[in-house]
Amino acid sequence: MQFDLDVTGRKVVVLGTDHGARRAVARFVRGGARVTLVSPDGPPATRVDTVRHVGAPAAHDTSALLRLIGPAWLVVSVDPPPALRDRVAELCGHLKVMTTSEAPAETTGSVTLVGGGPGRTGLLTLEAVESLAAADVVFYDRLAPTDDLAGLAPAAELVDVGKSPFHHKVEQRSIEEQIVDRALAGQSVVRLKGGDPFVFGRGGEEMLACLGAGVRVRVVPGVSSAVAVPAACGIPVTHRGLSHAFTVISGHQRPTEAELDGLTRLGGTIVVLMGIVNLEQIAVGLLRAGMDPATPAAVVERAYSDSQRSTFSRLGTLAADARRLQVASPAVVVIGAVVSVAPELADAARVIDHLPEWAGALAPDGAADRSSP
C-alpha cells in the first residue's frame, strides 16, 4: 500500500550513504521537507544547501540518536549499517516517529531508453513508470508524456531535449554525449521518448553511443504511435478481409519513386509518422504510382489529448483537405481500406472522437472533420 504524504516544512531524517540515499534525499527536498542526511561517509564532496549532513552516531549512542530523531516527523532507512538501522527503528517505536525504508540507488551509472507511448501518462508501461521513479535525470522529448513527469520522477532532474519541425534546440549528438556523461558520472539516466525508442526514435543510435562508451543500457519498449494513434479514433491497422499487412514510413523525407511503387504494389495499410510537411508529395507520389484516388485516408492530430482531431478523406483529396482544415503536427496519417472501418469500431473502442457517418462511400471531394468534445 502506498500513501502520498505532504512533507512540506517537516523534518525528515534519511539514514544512508551519500550515494545510496541520493534519490531519497532529492525527492524529499523537492517535496519541501527539511532533510537531515545521517551518513557514515562523513562530509559529502558536494553539499546541497537545503540538506543538513550529520555523521552517523554509533548504534549504542542513544543520546545522540535521540537528538537526531526525537524532533523528526519521518525517518527513512536506505542503506545504513544494520546495527544503526535496528536501533533507530527501536527508538522510533518508543517515540512514535513514523519510519519507512527503501532500496538504495544503484552504485554505477546506467541509461534506460524508455518508450513513453502516444503521450498519455496512463499508457506508460509499468516498467517505464518504475524506471522513471528510479531516475536521477530524465532527458525527455516533446511528444513524451510530460504532464505528470515531475510526479513520476520525483527525485530526478528534468531536461527538455525535445525537437520540433525545423527546430532542433539540442542536436542528436549532444543528447548522446549528455546521457553518456551523466551515466559515467554514476547517475541513473532515463531517456524518455514518445512512442517506442526503436520506431523512428533514434533509440538505436543512443544505444550504440552508450555501448561504445562502456555504459550499461537497456530498452523499455513503448506503445508505438504507428498503431496507437489510429486506434485512438477506431482505425485498426489490420482487419480481416481488408488488410493483412501495414507499412510504417517516416514522412520526414520524401519517399523515392521505387518506395512509392513498392507501397502501392504491396497494398495493405500505410501509416505515415511525422508526415504533415511532406503530405502533399507523399499523396501525389502514391497516386502517380497507381494507387486509387478513392482509397480512404485519415489524419489524426494530437492523439489522446483533449484537443484530438480526426480528419477523414480520400487519397485524391487528402492533401487539399489537410490544407483547408489547417492540419498540423503532431499527427499520424493512415491510408488504406481500414479507415472505412472506424465508425463501426468507435463505440466498442470507447474512443475520444465523434466519428463521421460513412453512409456508403464518402464523396471523393469531401472530408469529414471530427474533433473531440
Protein backbone atom coordinates (compact mmCIF):
# COMPACT_ATOMS: atom_id res chain seq x y z
CA MET A 1 0.00 0.00 0.00
CA GLN A 2 1.27 3.44 -0.91
CA PHE A 3 0.39 6.77 0.72
CA ASP A 4 1.14 10.26 -0.52
CA LEU A 5 2.35 12.38 2.39
CA ASP A 6 2.74 16.13 2.49
CA VAL A 7 6.25 16.69 3.85
CA THR A 8 6.32 20.46 3.35
CA GLY A 9 8.23 22.07 6.22
CA ARG A 10 8.57 18.79 8.13
CA LYS A 11 11.83 17.27 9.37
CA VAL A 12 12.76 14.07 7.55
CA VAL A 13 15.82 12.09 8.63
CA VAL A 14 17.42 9.88 6.00
CA LEU A 15 19.83 7.16 7.09
CA GLY A 16 22.29 6.01 4.44
CA THR A 17 25.35 6.63 2.36
CA ASP A 18 25.59 9.75 0.25
CA HIS A 19 25.38 7.79 -2.99
CA GLY A 20 22.79 5.24 -1.96
CA ALA A 21 20.45 7.79 -0.38
CA ARG A 22 20.74 10.41 -3.10
CA ARG A 23 17.35 9.75 -4.68
CA ALA A 24 15.52 9.71 -1.35
CA VAL A 25 17.18 12.99 -0.35
CA ALA A 26 16.37 14.63 -3.70
CA ARG A 27 12.76 13.51 -3.56
CA PHE A 28 12.14 14.87 -0.05
CA VAL A 29 13.95 18.11 -0.81
CA ARG A 30 11.73 18.58 -3.85
CA GLY A 31 8.72 17.91 -1.65
CA GLY A 32 9.69 20.78 0.63
CA ALA A 33 10.94 18.80 3.64
CA ARG A 34 13.74 19.84 5.99
CA VAL A 35 16.10 16.94 5.30
CA THR A 36 18.86 15.64 7.54
CA LEU A 37 21.14 13.02 5.98
CA VAL A 38 22.75 10.79 8.58
CA SER A 39 25.64 9.17 6.74
CA PRO A 40 28.66 7.07 7.66
CA ASP A 41 30.54 8.68 4.76
CA GLY A 42 31.44 11.90 6.56
CA PRO A 43 31.09 15.33 4.89
CA PRO A 44 29.90 14.98 1.27
CA ALA A 45 32.02 16.09 -1.66
CA THR A 46 29.10 18.16 -2.97
CA ARG A 47 26.76 19.79 -0.50
CA VAL A 48 23.13 20.70 -1.07
CA ASP A 49 22.31 23.90 0.79
CA THR A 50 18.87 22.67 1.83
CA VAL A 51 20.20 19.42 3.35
CA ARG A 52 21.80 19.09 6.77
CA HIS A 53 24.58 16.50 6.82
CA VAL A 54 25.38 14.65 10.03
CA GLY A 55 27.88 11.90 10.66
CA ALA A 56 26.23 8.68 11.78
CA PRO A 57 26.46 8.15 15.57
CA ALA A 58 27.32 4.74 16.95
CA ALA A 59 24.35 2.45 17.41
CA HIS A 60 24.86 2.44 21.19
CA ASP A 61 24.99 6.27 21.45
CA THR A 62 21.36 6.64 22.50
CA SER A 63 21.54 10.31 23.47
CA ALA A 64 22.97 11.31 20.06
CA LEU A 65 20.33 9.29 18.26
CA LEU A 66 17.53 10.81 20.30
CA ARG A 67 18.76 14.31 19.41
CA LEU A 68 18.51 13.36 15.74
CA ILE A 69 15.23 11.52 15.59
CA GLY A 70 13.35 12.98 18.54
CA PRO A 71 12.01 16.01 16.66
CA ALA A 72 11.71 14.16 13.33
CA TRP A 73 8.39 13.56 11.58
CA LEU A 74 9.69 10.70 9.42
CA VAL A 75 12.82 8.53 9.40
CA VAL A 76 13.84 6.83 6.17
CA SER A 77 16.35 3.97 6.20
CA VAL A 78 18.17 3.46 2.93
CA ASP A 79 21.50 1.72 3.47
CA PRO A 80 22.79 2.45 7.00
CA PRO A 81 24.78 -0.14 8.99
CA PRO A 82 22.34 -2.83 10.19
CA ALA A 83 23.00 -2.18 13.89
CA LEU A 84 22.24 1.53 13.45
CA ARG A 85 19.12 0.77 11.42
CA ASP A 86 17.74 -1.60 14.06
CA ARG A 87 18.46 0.73 16.98
CA VAL A 88 16.86 3.71 15.23
CA ALA A 89 13.77 1.65 14.43
CA GLU A 90 13.51 0.65 18.09
CA LEU A 91 13.78 4.25 19.30
CA CYS A 92 11.30 5.48 16.70
CA GLY A 93 8.82 2.94 18.00
CA HIS A 94 9.12 4.37 21.51
CA LEU A 95 8.89 7.96 20.26
CA LYS A 96 6.02 7.22 17.83
CA VAL A 97 8.01 8.60 14.89
CA MET A 98 6.99 7.23 11.50
CA THR A 99 9.57 5.06 9.73
CA THR A 100 9.97 3.63 6.26
CA SER A 101 12.69 2.05 4.18
CA GLU A 102 13.65 1.96 0.53
CA ALA A 103 16.25 0.38 -1.69
CA PRO A 104 19.45 2.34 -2.28
CA ALA A 105 20.24 3.92 -5.62
CA GLU A 106 22.50 1.95 -7.93
CA THR A 107 26.21 2.33 -7.36
CA THR A 108 27.08 2.54 -11.06
CA GLY A 109 25.56 4.70 -13.75
CA SER A 110 23.29 3.39 -16.47
CA VAL A 111 20.96 4.55 -19.23
CA THR A 112 17.42 3.37 -19.80
CA LEU A 113 15.77 4.20 -23.12
CA VAL A 114 12.07 4.44 -22.27
CA GLY A 115 9.22 4.47 -24.75
CA GLY A 116 6.54 6.83 -23.47
CA GLY A 117 3.76 5.68 -25.78
CA PRO A 118 1.46 8.06 -27.64
CA GLY A 119 1.52 10.77 -24.99
CA ARG A 120 -0.95 9.90 -22.25
CA THR A 121 0.55 9.04 -18.86
CA GLY A 122 -1.86 6.13 -18.38
CA LEU A 123 -0.43 4.41 -21.45
CA LEU A 124 3.06 4.14 -19.97
CA THR A 125 4.10 0.58 -19.15
CA LEU A 126 4.68 -0.48 -15.56
CA GLU A 127 8.39 -0.85 -16.25
CA ALA A 128 8.52 2.65 -17.72
CA VAL A 129 6.98 4.05 -14.52
CA GLU A 130 9.45 2.11 -12.38
CA SER A 131 12.37 3.39 -14.45
CA LEU A 132 11.26 7.00 -14.08
CA ALA A 133 10.83 6.60 -10.32
CA ALA A 134 14.44 5.38 -10.05
CA ALA A 135 15.97 8.09 -12.25
CA ASP A 136 18.49 10.75 -11.25
CA VAL A 137 17.98 12.63 -14.51
CA VAL A 138 15.40 12.39 -17.30
CA PHE A 139 16.09 13.68 -20.80
CA TYR A 140 12.65 13.94 -22.39
CA ASP A 141 11.25 14.61 -25.85
CA ARG A 142 8.48 16.96 -26.93
CA LEU A 143 5.99 14.15 -27.61
CA ALA A 144 6.75 12.17 -24.47
CA PRO A 145 4.13 12.13 -21.68
CA THR A 146 5.30 15.12 -19.63
CA ASP A 147 2.18 16.37 -17.82
CA ASP A 148 2.88 14.19 -14.77
CA LEU A 149 6.63 13.82 -15.23
CA ALA A 150 7.61 15.63 -12.02
CA GLY A 151 5.49 13.19 -10.03
CA LEU A 152 6.67 10.14 -11.97
CA ALA A 153 10.33 11.05 -11.49
CA PRO A 154 10.24 12.89 -8.14
CA ALA A 155 13.99 12.67 -7.47
CA ALA A 156 15.15 13.45 -10.98
CA GLU A 157 16.46 16.49 -12.76
CA LEU A 158 14.24 17.02 -15.82
CA VAL A 159 15.97 18.10 -19.03
CA ASP A 160 13.98 19.10 -22.12
CA VAL A 161 15.78 17.99 -25.30
CA GLY A 162 12.70 17.85 -27.50
CA LYS A 163 12.74 18.51 -31.21
CA SER A 164 10.04 20.22 -33.24
CA PRO A 165 9.73 20.58 -37.02
CA PHE A 166 12.61 22.67 -38.39
CA HIS A 167 13.91 23.32 -34.86
CA HIS A 168 16.32 21.07 -33.01
CA LYS A 169 17.36 23.08 -29.98
CA VAL A 170 19.58 20.21 -28.83
CA GLU A 171 21.33 18.28 -31.58
CA GLN A 172 21.23 14.48 -31.51
CA ARG A 173 24.97 14.18 -30.99
CA SER A 174 24.74 16.48 -27.98
CA ILE A 175 21.93 14.39 -26.49
CA GLU A 176 24.05 11.26 -26.81
CA GLU A 177 27.02 12.97 -25.17
CA GLN A 178 24.91 14.22 -22.28
CA ILE A 179 23.31 10.87 -21.44
CA VAL A 180 26.68 9.12 -21.64
CA ASP A 181 28.41 11.75 -19.48
CA ARG A 182 25.73 11.56 -16.79
CA ALA A 183 25.89 7.77 -16.69
CA LEU A 184 29.69 7.81 -16.47
CA ALA A 185 29.29 10.17 -13.51
CA GLY A 186 27.33 7.42 -11.73
CA GLN A 187 23.79 8.61 -12.36
CA SER A 188 20.73 6.61 -13.37
CA VAL A 189 19.67 8.20 -16.65
CA VAL A 190 16.31 7.85 -18.37
CA ARG A 191 15.94 8.90 -21.99
CA LEU A 192 12.18 9.33 -22.35
CA LYS A 193 10.73 9.32 -25.86
CA GLY A 194 7.29 9.39 -27.37
CA GLY A 195 6.11 6.11 -28.87
CA ASP A 196 8.77 3.41 -28.97
CA PRO A 197 12.52 4.18 -28.85
CA PHE A 198 13.23 1.93 -31.83
CA VAL A 199 10.46 3.24 -34.13
CA PHE A 200 11.88 6.42 -35.67
CA GLY A 201 13.09 7.38 -32.20
CA ARG A 202 16.86 7.21 -32.75
CA GLY A 203 17.00 4.72 -29.91
CA GLY A 204 19.44 2.57 -31.83
CA GLU A 205 21.87 5.49 -32.20
CA GLU A 206 21.70 6.26 -28.48
CA MET A 207 22.12 2.61 -27.55
CA LEU A 208 25.24 2.35 -29.70
CA ALA A 209 26.63 5.57 -28.17
CA CYS A 210 26.21 4.09 -24.70
CA LEU A 211 27.75 0.75 -25.62
CA GLY A 212 30.66 2.50 -27.30
CA ALA A 213 31.38 4.37 -24.07
CA GLY A 214 31.07 1.26 -21.91
CA VAL A 215 27.79 2.41 -20.33
CA ARG A 216 25.13 -0.12 -19.35
CA VAL A 217 21.98 0.47 -21.37
CA ARG A 218 18.60 -1.20 -21.59
CA VAL A 219 15.41 -0.53 -23.52
CA VAL A 220 11.87 -0.30 -22.18
CA PRO A 221 9.60 -0.52 -25.22
CA GLY A 222 6.62 1.76 -25.58
CA VAL A 223 3.34 1.66 -27.47
CA SER A 224 4.21 2.96 -30.92
CA SER A 225 2.08 5.80 -32.27
CA ALA A 226 2.00 3.86 -35.54
CA VAL A 227 -0.68 1.60 -34.06
CA ALA A 228 -1.86 3.58 -31.02
CA VAL A 229 -2.83 6.79 -32.79
CA PRO A 230 -5.04 5.12 -35.43
CA ALA A 231 -6.63 3.15 -32.59
CA ALA A 232 -7.46 6.42 -30.81
CA CYS A 233 -10.19 7.04 -33.38
CA GLY A 234 -11.14 3.43 -34.04
CA ILE A 235 -8.92 2.65 -37.04
CA PRO A 236 -7.37 -0.84 -36.95
CA VAL A 237 -4.16 -1.06 -38.95
CA THR A 238 -5.11 -4.61 -39.96
CA HIS A 239 -8.59 -6.02 -40.45
CA ARG A 240 -9.73 -9.37 -41.79
CA GLY A 241 -10.80 -9.11 -45.39
CA LEU A 242 -9.35 -5.63 -45.84
CA SER A 243 -5.68 -5.60 -44.84
CA HIS A 244 -3.32 -8.29 -43.59
CA ALA A 245 -0.26 -6.02 -43.51
CA PHE A 246 0.70 -2.49 -42.61
CA THR A 247 3.75 -0.45 -43.50
CA VAL A 248 5.10 2.36 -41.33
CA ILE A 249 7.09 5.09 -43.05
CA SER A 250 8.69 8.31 -41.90
CA GLY A 251 7.39 11.45 -43.54
CA HIS A 252 10.48 13.47 -42.70
CA GLN A 253 11.93 12.58 -46.09
CA ARG A 254 10.02 12.24 -49.33
CA PRO A 255 9.80 8.61 -50.45
CA THR A 256 11.64 7.67 -53.61
CA GLU A 257 9.76 6.56 -56.71
CA ALA A 258 10.82 2.98 -56.02
CA GLU A 259 9.45 3.20 -52.45
CA LEU A 260 6.17 4.71 -53.66
CA ASP A 261 5.82 1.99 -56.26
CA GLY A 262 6.56 -0.67 -53.63
CA LEU A 263 3.96 0.72 -51.24
CA THR A 264 1.34 0.74 -53.97
CA ARG A 265 2.12 -2.80 -55.09
CA LEU A 266 2.21 -4.16 -51.54
CA GLY A 267 -1.25 -2.95 -50.68
CA GLY A 268 -2.41 -3.12 -47.08
CA THR A 269 -2.31 -0.12 -44.77
CA ILE A 270 0.18 2.74 -44.92
CA VAL A 271 0.92 4.65 -41.71
CA VAL A 272 2.93 7.85 -42.07
CA LEU A 273 4.62 9.29 -38.99
CA MET A 274 5.82 12.89 -38.95
CA GLY A 275 4.43 13.34 -42.44
CA ILE A 276 2.45 16.59 -42.45
CA VAL A 277 5.20 18.69 -44.05
CA ASN A 278 5.58 16.27 -46.97
CA LEU A 279 1.97 15.07 -47.06
CA GLU A 280 1.20 16.50 -50.49
CA GLN A 281 4.32 14.97 -52.07
CA ILE A 282 3.55 11.59 -50.50
CA ALA A 283 -0.09 11.60 -51.62
CA VAL A 284 0.73 12.75 -55.15
CA GLY A 285 3.52 10.18 -55.36
CA LEU A 286 1.20 7.34 -54.38
CA LEU A 287 -1.34 8.46 -56.98
CA ARG A 288 1.40 8.65 -59.59
CA ALA A 289 2.41 5.10 -58.65
CA GLY A 290 -1.11 3.90 -59.40
CA MET A 291 -2.93 3.95 -56.07
CA ASP A 292 -6.68 4.50 -56.35
CA PRO A 293 -7.64 8.14 -55.57
CA ALA A 294 -10.74 6.82 -53.73
CA THR A 295 -8.61 4.98 -51.16
CA PRO A 296 -9.85 6.01 -47.69
CA ALA A 297 -7.42 8.14 -45.69
CA ALA A 298 -7.35 9.87 -42.34
CA VAL A 299 -5.17 12.22 -40.32
CA VAL A 300 -5.26 12.04 -36.52
CA GLU A 301 -3.86 15.08 -34.74
CA ARG A 302 -2.78 15.29 -31.09
CA ALA A 303 -4.00 11.79 -30.26
CA TYR A 304 -5.09 11.06 -26.68
CA SER A 305 -5.17 14.74 -25.78
CA ASP A 306 -8.21 16.88 -25.04
CA SER A 307 -7.76 18.54 -28.43
CA GLN A 308 -7.56 15.34 -30.50
CA ARG A 309 -8.96 15.82 -34.01
CA SER A 310 -9.52 13.31 -36.80
CA THR A 311 -9.93 14.26 -40.45
CA PHE A 312 -11.39 11.63 -42.80
CA SER A 313 -10.85 11.96 -46.53
CA ARG A 314 -9.72 10.09 -49.65
CA LEU A 315 -6.22 9.86 -51.02
CA GLY A 316 -7.07 12.01 -54.03
CA THR A 317 -8.17 14.96 -51.87
CA LEU A 318 -6.22 14.29 -48.70
CA ALA A 319 -3.57 16.99 -49.17
CA ALA A 320 -6.12 19.65 -50.14
CA ASP A 321 -8.36 18.76 -47.21
CA ALA A 322 -5.42 18.89 -44.81
CA ARG A 323 -4.52 22.37 -46.06
CA ARG A 324 -8.11 23.60 -45.85
CA LEU A 325 -8.53 22.31 -42.30
CA GLN A 326 -5.06 23.52 -41.27
CA VAL A 327 -3.92 20.12 -40.12
CA ALA A 328 -0.73 20.42 -38.07
CA SER A 329 1.84 18.27 -36.30
CA PRO A 330 1.90 16.17 -34.26
CA ALA A 331 -0.25 13.97 -36.46
CA VAL A 332 -0.35 10.48 -37.94
CA VAL A 333 -1.63 9.74 -41.45
CA VAL A 334 -3.40 6.45 -42.25
CA ILE A 335 -4.06 5.39 -45.84
CA GLY A 336 -5.98 2.25 -46.69
CA ALA A 337 -9.31 0.46 -46.66
CA VAL A 338 -9.14 0.01 -42.87
CA VAL A 339 -10.00 3.69 -42.42
CA SER A 340 -13.57 2.91 -43.52
CA VAL A 341 -13.96 0.52 -40.57
CA ALA A 342 -13.52 3.23 -37.95
CA PRO A 343 -17.19 4.15 -37.33
CA GLU A 344 -18.13 0.52 -36.76
CA LEU A 345 -15.48 0.15 -34.04
CA ALA A 346 -15.76 3.55 -32.40
CA ASP A 347 -18.25 2.64 -29.66
CA ALA A 348 -16.50 -0.61 -28.78
CA ALA A 349 -13.15 1.13 -28.57
CA ARG A 350 -14.55 3.96 -26.38
CA VAL A 351 -12.60 6.48 -28.40
CA ILE A 352 -12.44 10.21 -27.81
CA ASP A 353 -13.58 11.36 -31.23
CA HIS A 354 -17.06 11.60 -32.62
CA LEU A 355 -16.59 9.73 -35.86
CA PRO A 356 -18.36 10.53 -39.15
CA GLU A 357 -21.22 8.56 -40.60
CA TRP A 358 -19.93 6.68 -43.64
CA ALA A 359 -23.29 6.18 -45.35
CA GLY A 360 -21.98 4.17 -48.26
CA ALA A 361 -18.91 5.95 -49.59
CA LEU A 362 -17.61 9.39 -48.68
CA ALA A 363 -17.79 11.74 -51.61
CA PRO A 364 -14.33 12.00 -53.18
CA ASP A 365 -14.36 15.78 -52.89
CA GLY A 366 -15.43 15.92 -49.26
CA ALA A 367 -13.65 15.45 -45.95
CA ALA A 368 -15.17 14.79 -42.57
CA ASP A 369 -13.53 16.61 -39.68
CA ARG A 370 -14.40 15.50 -36.17
CA SER A 371 -12.85 16.97 -33.06
CA SER A 372 -13.15 15.66 -29.57
CA PRO A 373 -15.75 17.45 -27.44
